[in-house]
N, C-alpha and C. Protein backbone atom coordinates (compact mmCIF):
# COMPACT_ATOMS: atom_id res chain seq x y z
N MET A 1 0.64 -1.19 -0.04
CA MET A 1 0.47 -0.05 -0.24
C MET A 1 1.21 1.23 -0.07
N ASN A 2 0.72 2.44 -0.84
CA ASN A 2 1.85 3.44 -0.58
C ASN A 2 0.61 4.32 0.30
N THR A 3 1.90 4.60 1.23
CA THR A 3 1.28 5.51 2.41
C THR A 3 1.76 6.93 2.12
N GLU A 4 2.33 7.30 1.03
CA GLU A 4 2.79 8.61 0.62
C GLU A 4 1.26 10.23 0.80
N PRO A 5 1.44 10.51 1.38
CA PRO A 5 0.68 11.62 1.70
C PRO A 5 -0.29 12.23 0.26
N LEU A 6 -1.32 12.11 0.60
CA LEU A 6 -1.89 12.60 -1.15
C LEU A 6 -1.81 14.20 -0.58
N SER A 7 -2.15 14.71 -1.88
CA SER A 7 -2.12 16.34 -2.71
C SER A 7 -3.25 16.69 -2.12
N PRO A 8 -3.79 18.30 -2.29
CA PRO A 8 -5.14 18.30 -1.70
C PRO A 8 -5.87 17.72 -3.07
N LEU A 9 -5.69 18.07 -4.21
CA LEU A 9 -6.07 17.61 -5.19
C LEU A 9 -6.93 16.07 -5.41
N GLU A 10 -5.61 15.62 -5.26
CA GLU A 10 -5.64 13.57 -4.96
C GLU A 10 -7.36 13.63 -3.70
N ASN A 11 -6.91 14.00 -2.46
CA ASN A 11 -7.58 13.90 -1.50
C ASN A 11 -9.36 14.01 -1.60
N LEU A 12 -9.42 15.50 -2.31
CA LEU A 12 -10.53 15.61 -3.08
C LEU A 12 -11.62 14.65 -3.69
N LEU A 13 -10.75 14.22 -5.11
CA LEU A 13 -10.82 13.04 -5.94
C LEU A 13 -11.35 11.78 -5.24
N VAL A 14 -10.68 11.41 -4.00
CA VAL A 14 -10.79 10.32 -2.93
C VAL A 14 -12.24 10.56 -2.61
N GLU A 15 -12.06 11.79 -1.70
CA GLU A 15 -13.48 11.90 -1.68
C GLU A 15 -14.52 11.95 -2.09
N SER A 16 -14.76 12.20 -3.02
CA SER A 16 -15.42 12.19 -4.66
C SER A 16 -16.02 11.12 -4.66
N GLU A 17 -15.01 9.83 -5.28
CA GLU A 17 -15.37 8.41 -5.21
C GLU A 17 -15.96 8.11 -4.29
N VAL A 18 -15.82 8.15 -3.15
CA VAL A 18 -15.76 7.64 -1.71
C VAL A 18 -17.38 7.80 -1.61
N LYS A 19 -18.27 9.47 -2.01
CA LYS A 19 -19.41 9.76 -2.23
C LYS A 19 -20.02 9.19 -2.49
N LYS A 20 -19.55 9.12 -4.21
CA LYS A 20 -20.60 8.50 -5.52
C LYS A 20 -20.67 7.13 -5.28
N LEU A 21 -19.76 6.61 -4.38
CA LEU A 21 -20.25 4.93 -3.65
C LEU A 21 -21.08 4.63 -2.52
N MET A 22 -21.47 5.80 -1.96
CA MET A 22 -22.35 6.26 -1.30
C MET A 22 -23.61 6.19 -1.64
N ASN A 23 -23.75 7.31 -2.78
CA ASN A 23 -24.99 7.76 -3.70
C ASN A 23 -25.24 6.30 -4.48
N VAL A 24 -24.35 5.75 -5.17
CA VAL A 24 -24.46 4.53 -5.55
C VAL A 24 -25.50 3.33 -4.60
N TYR A 25 -24.80 2.88 -3.55
CA TYR A 25 -25.39 1.86 -2.66
C TYR A 25 -26.56 2.55 -2.44
N CYS A 26 -26.85 3.44 -2.22
CA CYS A 26 -28.48 4.76 -1.77
C CYS A 26 -29.55 3.96 -3.05
N ARG A 27 -28.82 4.66 -4.41
CA ARG A 27 -29.50 4.33 -5.39
C ARG A 27 -30.36 3.22 -5.67
N LEU A 28 -28.99 2.14 -6.06
CA LEU A 28 -29.36 0.72 -6.21
C LEU A 28 -30.56 -0.21 -4.93
N ALA A 29 -30.07 0.37 -4.29
CA ALA A 29 -31.21 -0.49 -2.47
C ALA A 29 -32.70 0.15 -3.06
N ASP A 30 -32.55 1.93 -3.54
CA ASP A 30 -34.31 1.47 -3.60
C ASP A 30 -34.77 1.64 -4.95
N GLU A 31 -33.68 0.90 -5.84
CA GLU A 31 -33.98 0.64 -7.22
C GLU A 31 -34.15 -1.03 -6.86
N PHE A 32 -34.13 -1.97 -6.37
CA PHE A 32 -34.55 -2.81 -5.25
C PHE A 32 -33.47 -3.93 -6.56
N LYS A 33 -32.03 -3.16 -6.64
CA LYS A 33 -31.16 -4.40 -7.66
C LYS A 33 -30.23 -4.55 -6.53
N TRP A 34 -30.31 -5.70 -5.94
CA TRP A 34 -30.13 -5.90 -4.70
C TRP A 34 -28.86 -7.04 -5.20
N GLU A 35 -28.53 -7.50 -6.11
CA GLU A 35 -26.86 -7.61 -6.68
C GLU A 35 -26.12 -6.73 -6.72
N ASP A 36 -26.51 -5.66 -7.43
CA ASP A 36 -25.80 -4.64 -7.84
C ASP A 36 -25.18 -4.52 -6.60
N TRP A 37 -26.59 -4.02 -5.61
CA TRP A 37 -26.55 -2.89 -4.04
C TRP A 37 -25.06 -3.87 -3.27
N ALA A 38 -25.54 -5.11 -3.88
CA ALA A 38 -24.34 -5.66 -2.71
C ALA A 38 -22.63 -5.95 -3.37
N ALA A 39 -23.08 -5.61 -4.23
CA ALA A 39 -21.64 -5.60 -4.86
C ALA A 39 -20.68 -4.22 -5.22
N CYS A 40 -21.63 -3.26 -4.26
CA CYS A 40 -20.88 -2.31 -3.11
C CYS A 40 -19.95 -2.50 -2.02
N PHE A 41 -19.88 -3.93 -1.79
CA PHE A 41 -19.51 -4.11 -0.37
C PHE A 41 -17.87 -5.04 -1.05
N ALA A 42 -17.48 -4.66 0.26
CA ALA A 42 -15.94 -6.05 -0.29
C ALA A 42 -16.64 -7.65 -0.05
N GLU A 43 -16.11 -8.20 -0.29
CA GLU A 43 -16.26 -9.79 -0.80
C GLU A 43 -16.10 -9.95 0.61
N ASP A 44 -15.51 -9.67 1.79
CA ASP A 44 -15.35 -9.77 2.83
C ASP A 44 -16.03 -8.87 3.84
N ALA A 45 -16.53 -8.03 3.45
CA ALA A 45 -17.00 -7.21 4.08
C ALA A 45 -18.16 -7.27 5.99
N TYR A 46 -17.54 -6.33 6.61
CA TYR A 46 -18.19 -6.37 7.88
C TYR A 46 -19.81 -5.13 7.84
N PHE A 47 -21.00 -6.04 8.34
CA PHE A 47 -21.68 -4.72 8.04
C PHE A 47 -22.52 -5.04 9.73
N ASN A 48 -22.92 -4.55 10.16
CA ASN A 48 -24.00 -4.49 11.59
C ASN A 48 -25.20 -3.54 11.78
N LEU A 49 -25.77 -4.04 11.77
CA LEU A 49 -26.79 -3.12 12.00
C LEU A 49 -27.47 -3.40 13.27
N PRO A 50 -27.53 -3.42 14.59
CA PRO A 50 -27.74 -3.62 16.13
C PRO A 50 -29.07 -2.95 16.16
N GLY A 51 -29.74 -4.23 17.07
CA GLY A 51 -31.18 -4.32 17.57
C GLY A 51 -31.95 -4.67 15.78
N THR A 52 -31.30 -4.61 14.76
CA THR A 52 -32.44 -5.42 13.71
C THR A 52 -32.24 -6.22 13.18
N PHE A 53 -30.94 -5.98 11.75
CA PHE A 53 -30.36 -7.79 11.46
C PHE A 53 -29.38 -8.20 11.81
N GLY A 54 -28.65 -7.32 12.91
CA GLY A 54 -27.60 -7.80 13.43
C GLY A 54 -26.16 -7.84 12.58
N GLU A 55 -24.73 -8.54 13.01
CA GLU A 55 -23.90 -8.48 12.38
C GLU A 55 -23.86 -9.48 11.10
N MET A 56 -22.86 -8.93 9.88
CA MET A 56 -22.87 -9.96 8.91
C MET A 56 -21.84 -9.75 8.34
N VAL A 57 -21.53 -10.82 8.13
CA VAL A 57 -19.80 -10.80 7.46
C VAL A 57 -19.61 -11.63 5.72
N GLY A 58 -19.59 -11.27 5.21
CA GLY A 58 -19.15 -11.29 3.74
C GLY A 58 -20.41 -10.89 3.05
N ARG A 59 -20.08 -10.76 1.61
CA ARG A 59 -20.73 -9.78 0.83
C ARG A 59 -22.20 -10.64 0.47
N ALA A 60 -22.23 -12.00 0.52
CA ALA A 60 -23.15 -12.89 0.07
C ALA A 60 -24.04 -13.19 1.40
N THR A 61 -24.04 -12.98 2.68
CA THR A 61 -24.66 -13.29 3.66
C THR A 61 -24.94 -11.72 3.49
N ILE A 62 -24.29 -10.47 3.83
CA ILE A 62 -25.19 -9.47 3.33
C ILE A 62 -26.23 -9.19 2.37
N LEU A 63 -25.60 -9.81 1.46
CA LEU A 63 -26.98 -9.85 0.07
C LEU A 63 -28.21 -10.58 0.76
N LYS A 64 -27.76 -11.73 1.64
CA LYS A 64 -28.94 -12.65 1.23
C LYS A 64 -29.71 -11.99 2.40
N THR A 65 -29.24 -11.08 3.84
CA THR A 65 -29.84 -11.09 4.94
C THR A 65 -31.02 -9.53 4.72
N CYS A 66 -30.30 -8.93 4.28
CA CYS A 66 -30.84 -7.51 3.65
C CYS A 66 -32.07 -7.44 2.70
N LYS A 67 -31.57 -8.43 1.55
CA LYS A 67 -32.71 -8.66 0.45
C LYS A 67 -34.20 -9.29 0.99
N GLY A 68 -33.32 -10.42 1.86
CA GLY A 68 -34.47 -10.79 2.47
C GLY A 68 -34.91 -10.78 3.48
N ASN A 69 -34.74 -9.64 3.84
CA ASN A 69 -35.73 -8.67 5.15
C ASN A 69 -36.42 -7.58 4.58
N MET A 70 -35.64 -7.01 3.47
CA MET A 70 -36.37 -5.90 2.48
C MET A 70 -37.24 -5.69 1.56
N ASP A 71 -36.93 -6.89 0.51
CA ASP A 71 -37.54 -6.93 -0.73
C ASP A 71 -38.82 -6.84 -0.46
N HIS A 72 -39.41 -7.83 0.22
CA HIS A 72 -41.00 -8.24 0.11
C HIS A 72 -41.39 -7.06 0.96
N VAL A 73 -40.96 -5.95 2.11
CA VAL A 73 -41.91 -5.45 2.38
C VAL A 73 -42.31 -3.91 1.92
N TYR A 74 -41.17 -3.19 1.03
CA TYR A 74 -41.99 -2.19 0.44
C TYR A 74 -41.97 -2.13 -1.20
N ALA A 75 -42.95 -1.49 -1.18
CA ALA A 75 -42.91 -1.16 -2.93
C ALA A 75 -42.29 0.37 -3.55
N ALA A 76 -42.07 1.11 -2.01
CA ALA A 76 -41.02 1.62 -2.62
C ALA A 76 -40.09 2.06 -1.65
N GLN A 77 -38.91 2.83 -1.80
CA GLN A 77 -38.39 3.22 -0.83
C GLN A 77 -37.27 4.26 -1.12
N GLN A 78 -36.64 4.70 -0.68
CA GLN A 78 -35.83 6.55 -0.14
C GLN A 78 -34.82 6.26 0.65
N HIS A 79 -33.53 6.00 0.30
CA HIS A 79 -33.00 6.42 1.44
C HIS A 79 -31.45 7.67 0.86
N TYR A 80 -31.65 8.43 2.17
CA TYR A 80 -30.93 9.43 2.15
C TYR A 80 -29.77 9.76 3.58
N ILE A 81 -28.96 9.66 2.74
CA ILE A 81 -27.39 10.31 3.07
C ILE A 81 -26.71 11.41 3.45
N VAL A 82 -27.01 11.79 4.69
CA VAL A 82 -26.76 13.87 5.10
C VAL A 82 -25.59 13.77 5.85
N ASN A 83 -25.28 14.66 5.90
CA ASN A 83 -24.18 15.42 6.77
C ASN A 83 -22.84 14.30 6.87
N VAL A 84 -22.46 14.10 5.55
CA VAL A 84 -21.37 13.23 5.28
C VAL A 84 -20.13 14.16 5.50
N ASP A 85 -19.09 13.20 6.69
CA ASP A 85 -17.88 13.27 6.77
C ASP A 85 -16.98 12.59 6.55
N ILE A 86 -15.99 12.65 5.85
CA ILE A 86 -14.86 11.56 5.56
C ILE A 86 -13.81 11.89 6.12
N THR A 87 -13.25 11.10 7.08
CA THR A 87 -12.48 11.87 8.33
C THR A 87 -11.17 11.54 8.05
N ALA A 88 -11.00 10.41 7.45
CA ALA A 88 -9.55 9.35 7.05
C ALA A 88 -9.58 9.16 5.44
N VAL A 89 -8.36 9.51 5.13
CA VAL A 89 -8.28 9.39 3.40
C VAL A 89 -7.01 9.00 3.01
N SER A 90 -6.87 8.09 2.52
CA SER A 90 -5.31 7.61 1.41
C SER A 90 -5.79 7.11 0.12
N ARG A 91 -4.84 6.84 -0.67
CA ARG A 91 -5.15 6.32 -2.06
C ARG A 91 -5.97 5.21 -2.00
N ASP A 92 -5.61 4.44 -0.28
CA ASP A 92 -6.57 3.37 -0.69
C ASP A 92 -7.45 2.88 0.53
N GLU A 93 -7.44 3.76 1.07
CA GLU A 93 -8.52 3.65 2.37
C GLU A 93 -8.70 4.83 2.87
N ALA A 94 -10.33 4.73 3.42
CA ALA A 94 -10.75 5.95 3.49
C ALA A 94 -11.95 5.62 4.79
N THR A 95 -12.64 6.48 5.82
CA THR A 95 -12.98 6.05 6.97
C THR A 95 -14.38 7.41 6.53
N ALA A 96 -15.57 7.15 7.25
CA ALA A 96 -16.19 8.32 7.00
C ALA A 96 -17.46 7.97 7.32
N THR A 97 -18.38 9.09 8.16
CA THR A 97 -20.09 9.10 8.85
C THR A 97 -20.49 9.54 8.45
N GLY A 98 -21.59 9.48 8.30
CA GLY A 98 -23.30 10.15 7.41
C GLY A 98 -24.47 9.65 8.47
N ASN A 99 -25.13 10.59 8.35
CA ASN A 99 -26.48 10.47 8.73
C ASN A 99 -27.62 9.81 7.67
N LEU A 100 -28.38 8.70 8.05
CA LEU A 100 -29.40 8.03 6.97
C LEU A 100 -30.50 8.37 7.67
N ILE A 101 -31.27 9.38 7.30
CA ILE A 101 -32.63 9.30 6.94
C ILE A 101 -33.86 8.31 5.90
N PHE A 102 -34.40 7.03 5.90
CA PHE A 102 -35.06 6.29 5.54
C PHE A 102 -36.52 6.07 5.43
N VAL A 103 -37.28 6.34 3.97
CA VAL A 103 -38.33 6.37 4.20
C VAL A 103 -39.03 4.92 3.30
N GLY A 104 -39.63 4.00 3.86
CA GLY A 104 -40.61 3.24 2.83
C GLY A 104 -41.68 2.93 2.64
N ILE A 105 -42.61 2.84 1.74
CA ILE A 105 -43.94 2.73 1.57
C ILE A 105 -44.30 1.08 0.86
N SER A 106 -45.15 1.11 1.95
CA SER A 106 -45.80 -0.68 1.37
C SER A 106 -46.92 -0.83 0.25
N ASP A 107 -47.61 0.35 0.46
CA ASP A 107 -49.11 0.18 -0.83
C ASP A 107 -48.46 1.70 -1.07
N VAL A 108 -48.08 1.83 -2.73
CA VAL A 108 -47.74 2.69 -3.42
C VAL A 108 -49.67 3.96 -3.53
N SER A 109 -50.57 3.06 -3.23
CA SER A 109 -51.58 3.65 -3.49
C SER A 109 -51.64 4.45 -1.82
N LYS A 110 -51.39 4.53 -0.70
CA LYS A 110 -51.26 4.89 0.71
C LYS A 110 -49.99 5.91 1.02
N PRO A 111 -49.49 6.29 0.19
CA PRO A 111 -48.56 7.23 0.26
C PRO A 111 -48.19 7.76 1.53
N THR A 112 -48.82 8.06 1.90
CA THR A 112 -49.17 9.19 3.40
C THR A 112 -48.54 8.48 4.64
N GLU A 113 -48.97 6.95 4.33
CA GLU A 113 -48.56 5.94 5.16
C GLU A 113 -47.36 5.25 5.19
N ALA A 114 -46.05 6.06 5.64
CA ALA A 114 -44.75 5.80 5.45
C ALA A 114 -44.20 5.22 6.72
N TYR A 115 -43.35 4.48 6.76
CA TYR A 115 -42.73 4.16 7.65
C TYR A 115 -40.91 4.67 7.93
N GLN A 116 -41.22 5.27 8.23
CA GLN A 116 -39.56 6.45 8.09
C GLN A 116 -38.48 5.93 9.35
N ALA A 117 -37.44 6.16 9.18
CA ALA A 117 -36.11 6.23 10.26
C ALA A 117 -35.40 7.08 10.14
N GLY A 118 -34.34 6.78 11.02
CA GLY A 118 -32.64 7.72 10.72
C GLY A 118 -32.25 6.90 12.11
N GLY A 119 -30.67 7.20 11.40
CA GLY A 119 -29.86 6.66 11.80
C GLY A 119 -28.56 7.09 11.54
N ARG A 120 -27.52 6.59 12.10
CA ARG A 120 -26.19 7.15 11.97
C ARG A 120 -25.34 5.82 11.37
N TYR A 121 -24.47 6.15 10.39
CA TYR A 121 -23.43 5.25 9.61
C TYR A 121 -22.55 5.53 10.20
N GLU A 122 -21.65 4.43 10.06
CA GLU A 122 -20.15 4.59 10.33
C GLU A 122 -19.45 3.88 9.13
N TRP A 123 -18.94 4.16 8.57
CA TRP A 123 -17.98 3.21 7.30
C TRP A 123 -16.44 3.12 6.85
N GLN A 124 -15.95 1.93 6.34
CA GLN A 124 -14.50 2.27 6.31
C GLN A 124 -14.76 1.65 5.08
N PHE A 125 -13.96 2.53 3.85
CA PHE A 125 -13.96 1.92 2.43
C PHE A 125 -12.53 1.31 1.96
N LYS A 126 -12.15 0.60 1.01
CA LYS A 126 -10.72 0.13 0.49
C LYS A 126 -11.29 0.17 -0.93
N ARG A 127 -9.86 0.74 -1.62
CA ARG A 127 -10.13 0.35 -2.85
C ARG A 127 -9.36 -1.35 -3.06
N ILE A 128 -10.59 -1.87 -4.18
CA ILE A 128 -9.84 -3.33 -4.22
C ILE A 128 -10.06 -3.45 -6.15
N ASN A 129 -8.38 -3.61 -6.59
CA ASN A 129 -8.36 -3.47 -7.74
C ASN A 129 -9.03 -2.36 -8.77
N GLY A 130 -8.17 -1.04 -7.73
CA GLY A 130 -8.81 0.39 -8.81
C GLY A 130 -10.35 0.77 -8.14
N GLU A 131 -11.05 -0.53 -7.54
CA GLU A 131 -12.52 0.12 -7.07
C GLU A 131 -12.71 0.01 -5.72
N TRP A 132 -13.51 1.00 -5.26
CA TRP A 132 -13.85 1.56 -4.04
C TRP A 132 -15.15 0.86 -3.89
N LYS A 133 -14.76 0.00 -2.47
CA LYS A 133 -15.90 -0.80 -1.60
C LYS A 133 -16.05 -0.46 -0.06
N ILE A 134 -17.12 -0.52 -0.30
CA ILE A 134 -17.66 -1.09 1.34
C ILE A 134 -16.87 -2.00 2.21
N SER A 135 -15.97 -1.57 3.06
CA SER A 135 -15.01 -2.84 3.77
C SER A 135 -15.84 -3.17 5.23
N HIS A 136 -16.27 -1.78 5.73
CA HIS A 136 -17.15 -2.23 7.31
C HIS A 136 -18.08 -0.74 7.44
N ALA A 137 -19.30 -2.07 7.98
CA ALA A 137 -20.21 -0.64 7.93
C ALA A 137 -21.21 -0.80 9.23
N ILE A 138 -21.69 0.25 10.00
CA ILE A 138 -22.26 0.29 11.26
C ILE A 138 -23.31 1.26 11.75
N LEU A 139 -24.60 0.67 10.84
CA LEU A 139 -25.69 1.51 10.80
C LEU A 139 -26.43 1.03 12.52
N ASN A 140 -26.63 2.66 13.36
CA ASN A 140 -27.04 2.22 14.31
C ASN A 140 -28.59 3.14 14.47
N PHE A 141 -29.57 2.52 14.58
CA PHE A 141 -31.22 3.20 13.95
C PHE A 141 -31.13 4.29 15.83
N LEU A 142 -31.38 5.51 15.18
CA LEU A 142 -31.64 6.00 16.30
C LEU A 142 -32.95 6.62 16.51
N TRP A 143 -33.79 6.25 15.64
CA TRP A 143 -35.63 6.74 15.69
C TRP A 143 -36.34 6.42 14.65
N ASN A 144 -37.49 5.97 14.41
CA ASN A 144 -38.30 5.42 14.04
C ASN A 144 -39.67 6.06 14.26
N ASN A 145 -40.59 6.59 13.10
CA ASN A 145 -42.00 6.99 13.64
C ASN A 145 -43.26 5.43 14.02
N GLY A 146 -42.56 4.33 13.93
CA GLY A 146 -43.28 2.99 14.29
C GLY A 146 -44.17 2.04 13.78
N GLN A 147 -44.53 3.34 12.32
CA GLN A 147 -45.64 2.65 11.18
C GLN A 147 -44.96 1.66 10.28
N ASP A 148 -45.29 0.09 10.81
CA ASP A 148 -44.70 -1.21 9.75
C ASP A 148 -43.34 -0.93 10.54
N ALA A 149 -42.93 -0.83 11.81
CA ALA A 149 -41.44 -1.10 12.26
C ALA A 149 -41.41 -2.98 12.43
N ASP A 150 -42.48 -3.83 12.71
CA ASP A 150 -42.42 -5.34 13.09
C ASP A 150 -41.97 -5.60 11.66
N ALA A 151 -42.71 -5.26 10.40
CA ALA A 151 -42.65 -5.56 8.93
C ALA A 151 -40.67 -5.91 8.63
N VAL A 152 -40.19 -5.37 9.50
CA VAL A 152 -38.64 -5.20 8.75
C VAL A 152 -37.92 -5.83 9.66
N PHE A 153 -37.92 -5.31 10.88
CA PHE A 153 -37.39 -5.79 12.06
C PHE A 153 -37.47 -6.90 12.99
N ASP A 154 -38.34 -7.61 12.43
CA ASP A 154 -39.10 -8.90 13.56
C ASP A 154 -37.65 -9.79 13.73
């Protein structure tokens, strides 16, 4: 691994690439493209959703668990990642935090009956074969509106 310090321009480029990965991660989940969504993770990634799906290790387990718990619950969903703070950057690794706002609608004919939740992500990213991947993620949910919560988090 190259440990030489990044120039300011290189630092901005890495931050931009990592933010793009976060946006793709959300878009693919919202489009229910679970296999493509799972490809945002490294093969040996760790993903923890305390109090919900728990600890998952490996891309295949992450895909099976998240798709299995989410795919049948919502007809439409939106993930928003806000207040992103990329706290450490190198050529091949980055860490970040961000806030999640999630909205899921079970029945599109009833758009006012939405499940909403919010939480905080902690991420670690690695560049693998020139491509950024999520290597470690923790999502701590802080709140929800209670509607349909059991449909996802049983």
